[in-house]
């Protein structure tokens, strides 16, 4: 794919994601220009960075590094990588990828802010030494766990090629992750039900 075509593809994904964010609790979300510090989306509120990705190859380690750099640049406490799924412009179905500790923090804040509403979601750490009937290894060698009423795959991603350390990364969809983010105190307040 040519550089110009690749940029157009990325721009289209960023526009779709920003439109979705505006319609779902982040009315001031804007695309950031290339070369600016931070992530791909601006005006999300303090402490939050979002990276948008639309690539044929799933380069999770690289994207997590970019998210970490963007968070460092702005002193953000929370970040997420939104990855466009192939053959759909339905942003709610795109992947929501976060380091597991952030997903757990977000879930804890959501449960504190909305008691009883997010109790069905359970996230558990993945440890190489722990065996569980809920734990499987997918065809790529990534560890996936499922817990609670919502299935939250947890991928074990090597910190860098050949590393002994790994990141635990939670993966869900934007349609499930964004309400949790809002319930945790980011964006417009989540409606009570």
C-alpha atoms as a PDB file:
ATOM      1  CA  UNK A   1       0.000   0.000   0.000  1.00  0.00           C
ATOM      2  CA  UNK A   2       1.371   3.420  -0.907  1.00  0.00           C
ATOM      3  CA  UNK A   3       2.094   5.994   1.789  1.00  0.00           C
ATOM      4  CA  UNK A   4      -0.726   8.295   0.613  1.00  0.00           C
ATOM      5  CA  UNK A   5      -3.229   5.442   0.469  1.00  0.00           C
ATOM      6  CA  UNK A   6      -2.183   4.237   3.911  1.00  0.00           C
ATOM      7  CA  UNK A   7      -2.618   7.759   5.346  1.00  0.00           C
ATOM      8  CA  UNK A   8      -6.084   8.045   3.773  1.00  0.00           C
ATOM      9  CA  UNK A   9      -7.049   4.708   5.308  1.00  0.00           C
ATOM     10  CA  UNK A  10      -5.778   5.823   8.736  1.00  0.00           C
ATOM     11  CA  UNK A  11      -7.505   9.206   8.410  1.00  0.00           C
ATOM     12  CA  UNK A  12     -10.808   7.513   7.546  1.00  0.00           C
ATOM     13  CA  UNK A  13     -10.549   5.267  10.619  1.00  0.00           C
ATOM     14  CA  UNK A  14      -9.677   8.236  12.844  1.00  0.00           C
ATOM     15  CA  UNK A  15     -12.636  10.254  11.533  1.00  0.00           C
ATOM     16  CA  UNK A  16     -15.023   7.328  12.122  1.00  0.00           C
ATOM     17  CA  UNK A  17     -13.688   6.784  15.647  1.00  0.00           C
ATOM     18  CA  UNK A  18     -13.935  10.496  16.516  1.00  0.00           C
ATOM     19  CA  UNK A  19     -17.508  10.630  15.176  1.00  0.00           C
ATOM     20  CA  UNK A  20     -18.376   7.614  17.350  1.00  0.00           C
ATOM     21  CA  UNK A  21     -16.717   9.147  20.416  1.00  0.00           C
ATOM     22  CA  UNK A  22     -18.630  12.409  19.903  1.00  0.00           C
ATOM     23  CA  UNK A  23     -21.927  10.526  19.696  1.00  0.00           C
ATOM     24  CA  UNK A  24     -21.139   8.399  22.767  1.00  0.00           C
ATOM     25  CA  UNK A  25     -20.072  10.728  25.553  1.00  0.00           C
ATOM     26  CA  UNK A  26     -17.088  12.682  24.237  1.00  0.00           C
ATOM     27  CA  UNK A  27     -18.753  15.578  22.360  1.00  0.00           C
ATOM     28  CA  UNK A  28     -15.551  17.622  22.048  1.00  0.00           C
ATOM     29  CA  UNK A  29     -13.364  14.831  20.612  1.00  0.00           C
ATOM     30  CA  UNK A  30     -11.203  15.935  17.673  1.00  0.00           C
ATOM     31  CA  UNK A  31      -8.596  14.367  15.449  1.00  0.00           C
ATOM     32  CA  UNK A  32      -5.095  15.537  16.261  1.00  0.00           C
ATOM     33  CA  UNK A  33      -2.754  16.608  13.501  1.00  0.00           C
ATOM     34  CA  UNK A  34       0.267  14.477  12.664  1.00  0.00           C
ATOM     35  CA  UNK A  35       3.419  15.313  14.572  1.00  0.00           C
ATOM     36  CA  UNK A  36       1.687  16.669  17.677  1.00  0.00           C
ATOM     37  CA  UNK A  37       2.494  15.248  21.096  1.00  0.00           C
ATOM     38  CA  UNK A  38       0.081  12.707  22.482  1.00  0.00           C
ATOM     39  CA  UNK A  39      -2.352  10.361  20.836  1.00  0.00           C
ATOM     40  CA  UNK A  40      -4.544  10.453  17.714  1.00  0.00           C
ATOM     41  CA  UNK A  41      -7.581  12.021  19.401  1.00  0.00           C
ATOM     42  CA  UNK A  42      -7.693  15.348  21.283  1.00  0.00           C
ATOM     43  CA  UNK A  43     -10.173  17.020  23.625  1.00  0.00           C
ATOM     44  CA  UNK A  44     -11.065  13.861  25.519  1.00  0.00           C
ATOM     45  CA  UNK A  45     -10.467  15.416  28.905  1.00  0.00           C
ATOM     46  CA  UNK A  46      -7.451  15.367  31.194  1.00  0.00           C
ATOM     47  CA  UNK A  47      -5.610  12.141  31.781  1.00  0.00           C
ATOM     48  CA  UNK A  48      -6.855  10.177  28.750  1.00  0.00           C
ATOM     49  CA  UNK A  49      -5.089   9.200  25.528  1.00  0.00           C
ATOM     50  CA  UNK A  50      -6.540   7.170  22.639  1.00  0.00           C
ATOM     51  CA  UNK A  51      -4.620   5.719  19.699  1.00  0.00           C
ATOM     52  CA  UNK A  52      -6.570   4.680  16.575  1.00  0.00           C
ATOM     53  CA  UNK A  53      -5.118   1.968  14.329  1.00  0.00           C
ATOM     54  CA  UNK A  54      -6.177   0.590  10.938  1.00  0.00           C
ATOM     55  CA  UNK A  55      -3.464  -1.793   9.774  1.00  0.00           C
ATOM     56  CA  UNK A  56      -3.428  -5.115   7.970  1.00  0.00           C
ATOM     57  CA  UNK A  57      -0.875  -6.417  10.493  1.00  0.00           C
ATOM     58  CA  UNK A  58      -1.728  -6.529  14.192  1.00  0.00           C
ATOM     59  CA  UNK A  59       1.376  -4.872  15.707  1.00  0.00           C
ATOM     60  CA  UNK A  60       0.245  -4.803  19.309  1.00  0.00           C
ATOM     61  CA  UNK A  61       3.664  -4.328  20.921  1.00  0.00           C
ATOM     62  CA  UNK A  62       4.403  -1.305  18.691  1.00  0.00           C
ATOM     63  CA  UNK A  63       0.968   0.208  19.351  1.00  0.00           C
ATOM     64  CA  UNK A  64       1.312  -0.232  23.116  1.00  0.00           C
ATOM     65  CA  UNK A  65       4.694   1.531  22.926  1.00  0.00           C
ATOM     66  CA  UNK A  66       3.060   4.412  21.026  1.00  0.00           C
ATOM     67  CA  UNK A  67       0.276   4.598  23.608  1.00  0.00           C
ATOM     68  CA  UNK A  68       2.810   4.603  26.438  1.00  0.00           C
ATOM     69  CA  UNK A  69       4.794   7.406  24.744  1.00  0.00           C
ATOM     70  CA  UNK A  70       1.613   9.456  24.202  1.00  0.00           C
ATOM     71  CA  UNK A  71       0.641   8.970  27.851  1.00  0.00           C
ATOM     72  CA  UNK A  72       4.121   9.999  28.985  1.00  0.00           C
ATOM     73  CA  UNK A  73       3.998  13.130  26.792  1.00  0.00           C
ATOM     74  CA  UNK A  74       0.766  14.295  28.421  1.00  0.00           C
ATOM     75  CA  UNK A  75       1.026  12.693  31.895  1.00  0.00           C
ATOM     76  CA  UNK A  76      -2.149  10.722  31.179  1.00  0.00           C
ATOM     77  CA  UNK A  77      -3.279   8.053  33.647  1.00  0.00           C
ATOM     78  CA  UNK A  78      -5.542   6.157  31.222  1.00  0.00           C
ATOM     79  CA  UNK A  79      -5.108   5.090  27.614  1.00  0.00           C
ATOM     80  CA  UNK A  80      -6.562   2.763  25.030  1.00  0.00           C
ATOM     81  CA  UNK A  81      -5.728   1.556  21.537  1.00  0.00           C
ATOM     82  CA  UNK A  82      -8.775   1.277  19.271  1.00  0.00           C
ATOM     83  CA  UNK A  83      -8.121  -1.081  16.351  1.00  0.00           C
ATOM     84  CA  UNK A  84     -10.385  -1.112  13.303  1.00  0.00           C
ATOM     85  CA  UNK A  85     -11.683  -4.562  12.481  1.00  0.00           C
ATOM     86  CA  UNK A  86     -11.460  -5.665   8.883  1.00  0.00           C
ATOM     87  CA  UNK A  87     -14.514  -5.181   6.699  1.00  0.00           C
ATOM     88  CA  UNK A  88     -16.534  -3.070   9.137  1.00  0.00           C
ATOM     89  CA  UNK A  89     -16.908   0.637   9.749  1.00  0.00           C
ATOM     90  CA  UNK A  90     -19.115  -0.086  12.786  1.00  0.00           C
ATOM     91  CA  UNK A  91     -16.828   1.416  15.423  1.00  0.00           C
ATOM     92  CA  UNK A  92     -18.717  -0.318  18.254  1.00  0.00           C
ATOM     93  CA  UNK A  93     -17.361  -3.634  16.865  1.00  0.00           C
ATOM     94  CA  UNK A  94     -13.741  -2.466  16.637  1.00  0.00           C
ATOM     95  CA  UNK A  95     -11.199  -3.795  19.139  1.00  0.00           C
ATOM     96  CA  UNK A  96     -10.597  -1.965  22.429  1.00  0.00           C
ATOM     97  CA  UNK A  97      -7.095  -2.878  23.669  1.00  0.00           C
ATOM     98  CA  UNK A  98      -5.622  -1.808  27.010  1.00  0.00           C
ATOM     99  CA  UNK A  99      -2.888  -2.945  29.330  1.00  0.00           C
ATOM    100  CA  UNK A 100      -4.704  -5.166  31.798  1.00  0.00           C
ATOM    101  CA  UNK A 101      -3.869  -3.012  34.817  1.00  0.00           C
ATOM    102  CA  UNK A 102      -5.634  -0.067  33.115  1.00  0.00           C
ATOM    103  CA  UNK A 103      -8.677  -2.178  32.270  1.00  0.00           C
ATOM    104  CA  UNK A 104      -8.838  -3.354  35.882  1.00  0.00           C
ATOM    105  CA  UNK A 105      -8.472   0.223  37.179  1.00  0.00           C
ATOM    106  CA  UNK A 106     -11.210   1.404  34.828  1.00  0.00           C
ATOM    107  CA  UNK A 107     -13.478  -1.450  35.927  1.00  0.00           C
ATOM    108  CA  UNK A 108     -12.844  -0.712  39.619  1.00  0.00           C
ATOM    109  CA  UNK A 109     -13.670   2.990  39.140  1.00  0.00           C
ATOM    110  CA  UNK A 110     -16.803   2.097  37.151  1.00  0.00           C
ATOM    111  CA  UNK A 111     -18.003  -0.233  39.925  1.00  0.00           C
ATOM    112  CA  UNK A 112     -17.340   2.456  42.572  1.00  0.00           C
ATOM    113  CA  UNK A 113     -19.155   5.138  40.575  1.00  0.00           C
ATOM    114  CA  UNK A 114     -22.087   2.884  39.576  1.00  0.00           C
ATOM    115  CA  UNK A 115     -22.615   0.241  42.301  1.00  0.00           C
ATOM    116  CA  UNK A 116     -24.310  -2.887  41.028  1.00  0.00           C
ATOM    117  CA  UNK A 117     -24.106  -1.940  37.369  1.00  0.00           C
ATOM    118  CA  UNK A 118     -20.780  -3.497  36.376  1.00  0.00           C
ATOM    119  CA  UNK A 119     -20.680  -6.501  38.695  1.00  0.00           C
ATOM    120  CA  UNK A 120     -21.053  -9.025  35.864  1.00  0.00           C
ATOM    121  CA  UNK A 121     -17.685  -8.141  34.372  1.00  0.00           C
ATOM    122  CA  UNK A 122     -14.717  -9.909  35.887  1.00  0.00           C
ATOM    123  CA  UNK A 123     -11.162  -9.505  34.734  1.00  0.00           C
ATOM    124  CA  UNK A 124      -8.436 -11.769  36.009  1.00  0.00           C
ATOM    125  CA  UNK A 125      -4.678 -11.682  35.645  1.00  0.00           C
ATOM    126  CA  UNK A 126      -2.952 -14.230  33.475  1.00  0.00           C
ATOM    127  CA  UNK A 127       0.082 -15.883  35.016  1.00  0.00           C
ATOM    128  CA  UNK A 128       2.159 -18.497  33.261  1.00  0.00           C
ATOM    129  CA  UNK A 129       2.305 -20.617  36.428  1.00  0.00           C
ATOM    130  CA  UNK A 130      -1.451 -20.659  37.020  1.00  0.00           C
ATOM    131  CA  UNK A 131      -3.524 -23.415  35.495  1.00  0.00           C
ATOM    132  CA  UNK A 132      -7.217 -22.910  35.008  1.00  0.00           C
ATOM    133  CA  UNK A 133     -10.019 -24.532  33.080  1.00  0.00           C
ATOM    134  CA  UNK A 134     -10.923 -21.004  31.940  1.00  0.00           C
ATOM    135  CA  UNK A 135      -7.506 -20.525  30.334  1.00  0.00           C
ATOM    136  CA  UNK A 136      -6.726 -21.458  26.741  1.00  0.00           C
ATOM    137  CA  UNK A 137      -3.875 -20.769  24.349  1.00  0.00           C
ATOM    138  CA  UNK A 138      -4.879 -19.548  20.916  1.00  0.00           C
ATOM    139  CA  UNK A 139      -3.149 -20.434  17.636  1.00  0.00           C
ATOM    140  CA  UNK A 140      -0.764 -17.472  18.006  1.00  0.00           C
ATOM    141  CA  UNK A 141       0.451 -18.601  21.422  1.00  0.00           C
ATOM    142  CA  UNK A 142      -1.376 -15.788  23.219  1.00  0.00           C
ATOM    143  CA  UNK A 143      -2.989 -16.717  26.496  1.00  0.00           C
ATOM    144  CA  UNK A 144      -6.714 -16.016  26.597  1.00  0.00           C
ATOM    145  CA  UNK A 145      -8.909 -16.172  29.697  1.00  0.00           C
ATOM    146  CA  UNK A 146     -12.671 -15.891  30.009  1.00  0.00           C
ATOM    147  CA  UNK A 147     -14.413 -14.957  33.235  1.00  0.00           C
ATOM    148  CA  UNK A 148     -17.762 -13.703  34.440  1.00  0.00           C
ATOM    149  CA  UNK A 149     -20.706 -12.992  32.195  1.00  0.00           C
ATOM    150  CA  UNK A 150     -18.614 -10.977  29.738  1.00  0.00           C
ATOM    151  CA  UNK A 151     -15.698 -12.668  28.041  1.00  0.00           C
ATOM    152  CA  UNK A 152     -12.561 -10.555  28.317  1.00  0.00           C
ATOM    153  CA  UNK A 153      -9.658 -12.149  26.475  1.00  0.00           C
ATOM    154  CA  UNK A 154      -6.336 -11.397  28.127  1.00  0.00           C
ATOM    155  CA  UNK A 155      -3.343 -11.656  25.831  1.00  0.00           C
ATOM    156  CA  UNK A 156       0.169 -12.190  27.119  1.00  0.00           C
ATOM    157  CA  UNK A 157       2.341 -10.049  24.848  1.00  0.00           C
ATOM    158  CA  UNK A 158       6.162 -10.206  25.134  1.00  0.00           C
ATOM    159  CA  UNK A 159       7.575  -6.835  26.225  1.00  0.00           C
ATOM    160  CA  UNK A 160       9.970  -7.001  23.273  1.00  0.00           C
ATOM    161  CA  UNK A 161      11.256  -9.801  21.012  1.00  0.00           C
ATOM    162  CA  UNK A 162      12.874 -12.478  23.142  1.00  0.00           C
ATOM    163  CA  UNK A 163      11.835 -10.852  26.451  1.00  0.00           C
ATOM    164  CA  UNK A 164      11.091 -12.870  29.566  1.00  0.00           C
ATOM    165  CA  UNK A 165       8.675 -10.174  30.768  1.00  0.00           C
ATOM    166  CA  UNK A 166       5.318  -9.783  29.129  1.00  0.00           C
ATOM    167  CA  UNK A 167       2.404  -7.399  29.200  1.00  0.00           C
ATOM    168  CA  UNK A 168      -1.037  -8.655  30.022  1.00  0.00           C
ATOM    169  CA  UNK A 169      -3.444  -6.917  27.658  1.00  0.00           C
ATOM    170  CA  UNK A 170      -7.240  -6.890  27.903  1.00  0.00           C
ATOM    171  CA  UNK A 171      -9.227  -6.957  24.663  1.00  0.00           C
ATOM    172  CA  UNK A 172     -12.919  -6.202  24.241  1.00  0.00           C
ATOM    173  CA  UNK A 173     -14.958  -4.141  21.775  1.00  0.00           C
ATOM    174  CA  UNK A 174     -15.382  -0.368  21.691  1.00  0.00           C
ATOM    175  CA  UNK A 175     -19.085  -0.912  22.345  1.00  0.00           C
ATOM    176  CA  UNK A 176     -18.232  -2.562  25.679  1.00  0.00           C
ATOM    177  CA  UNK A 177     -15.120  -0.586  26.606  1.00  0.00           C
ATOM    178  CA  UNK A 178     -16.443   2.940  26.092  1.00  0.00           C
ATOM    179  CA  UNK A 179     -19.307   2.678  28.637  1.00  0.00           C
ATOM    180  CA  UNK A 180     -16.787   1.393  31.199  1.00  0.00           C
ATOM    181  CA  UNK A 181     -14.518   4.346  30.447  1.00  0.00           C
ATOM    182  CA  UNK A 182     -17.392   6.791  30.925  1.00  0.00           C
ATOM    183  CA  UNK A 183     -18.500   5.033  34.123  1.00  0.00           C
ATOM    184  CA  UNK A 184     -14.920   5.386  35.378  1.00  0.00           C
ATOM    185  CA  UNK A 185     -15.286   9.161  35.134  1.00  0.00           C
ATOM    186  CA  UNK A 186     -14.069  10.050  31.640  1.00  0.00           C
ATOM    187  CA  UNK A 187     -16.229  11.918  29.141  1.00  0.00           C
ATOM    188  CA  UNK A 188     -19.853  12.867  29.838  1.00  0.00           C
ATOM    189  CA  UNK A 189     -21.387  11.127  32.855  1.00  0.00           C
ATOM    190  CA  UNK A 190     -22.888   7.759  32.057  1.00  0.00           C
ATOM    191  CA  UNK A 191     -26.671   7.689  32.269  1.00  0.00           C
ATOM    192  CA  UNK A 192     -28.072   5.820  35.230  1.00  0.00           C
ATOM    193  CA  UNK A 193     -30.403   2.921  34.587  1.00  0.00           C
END
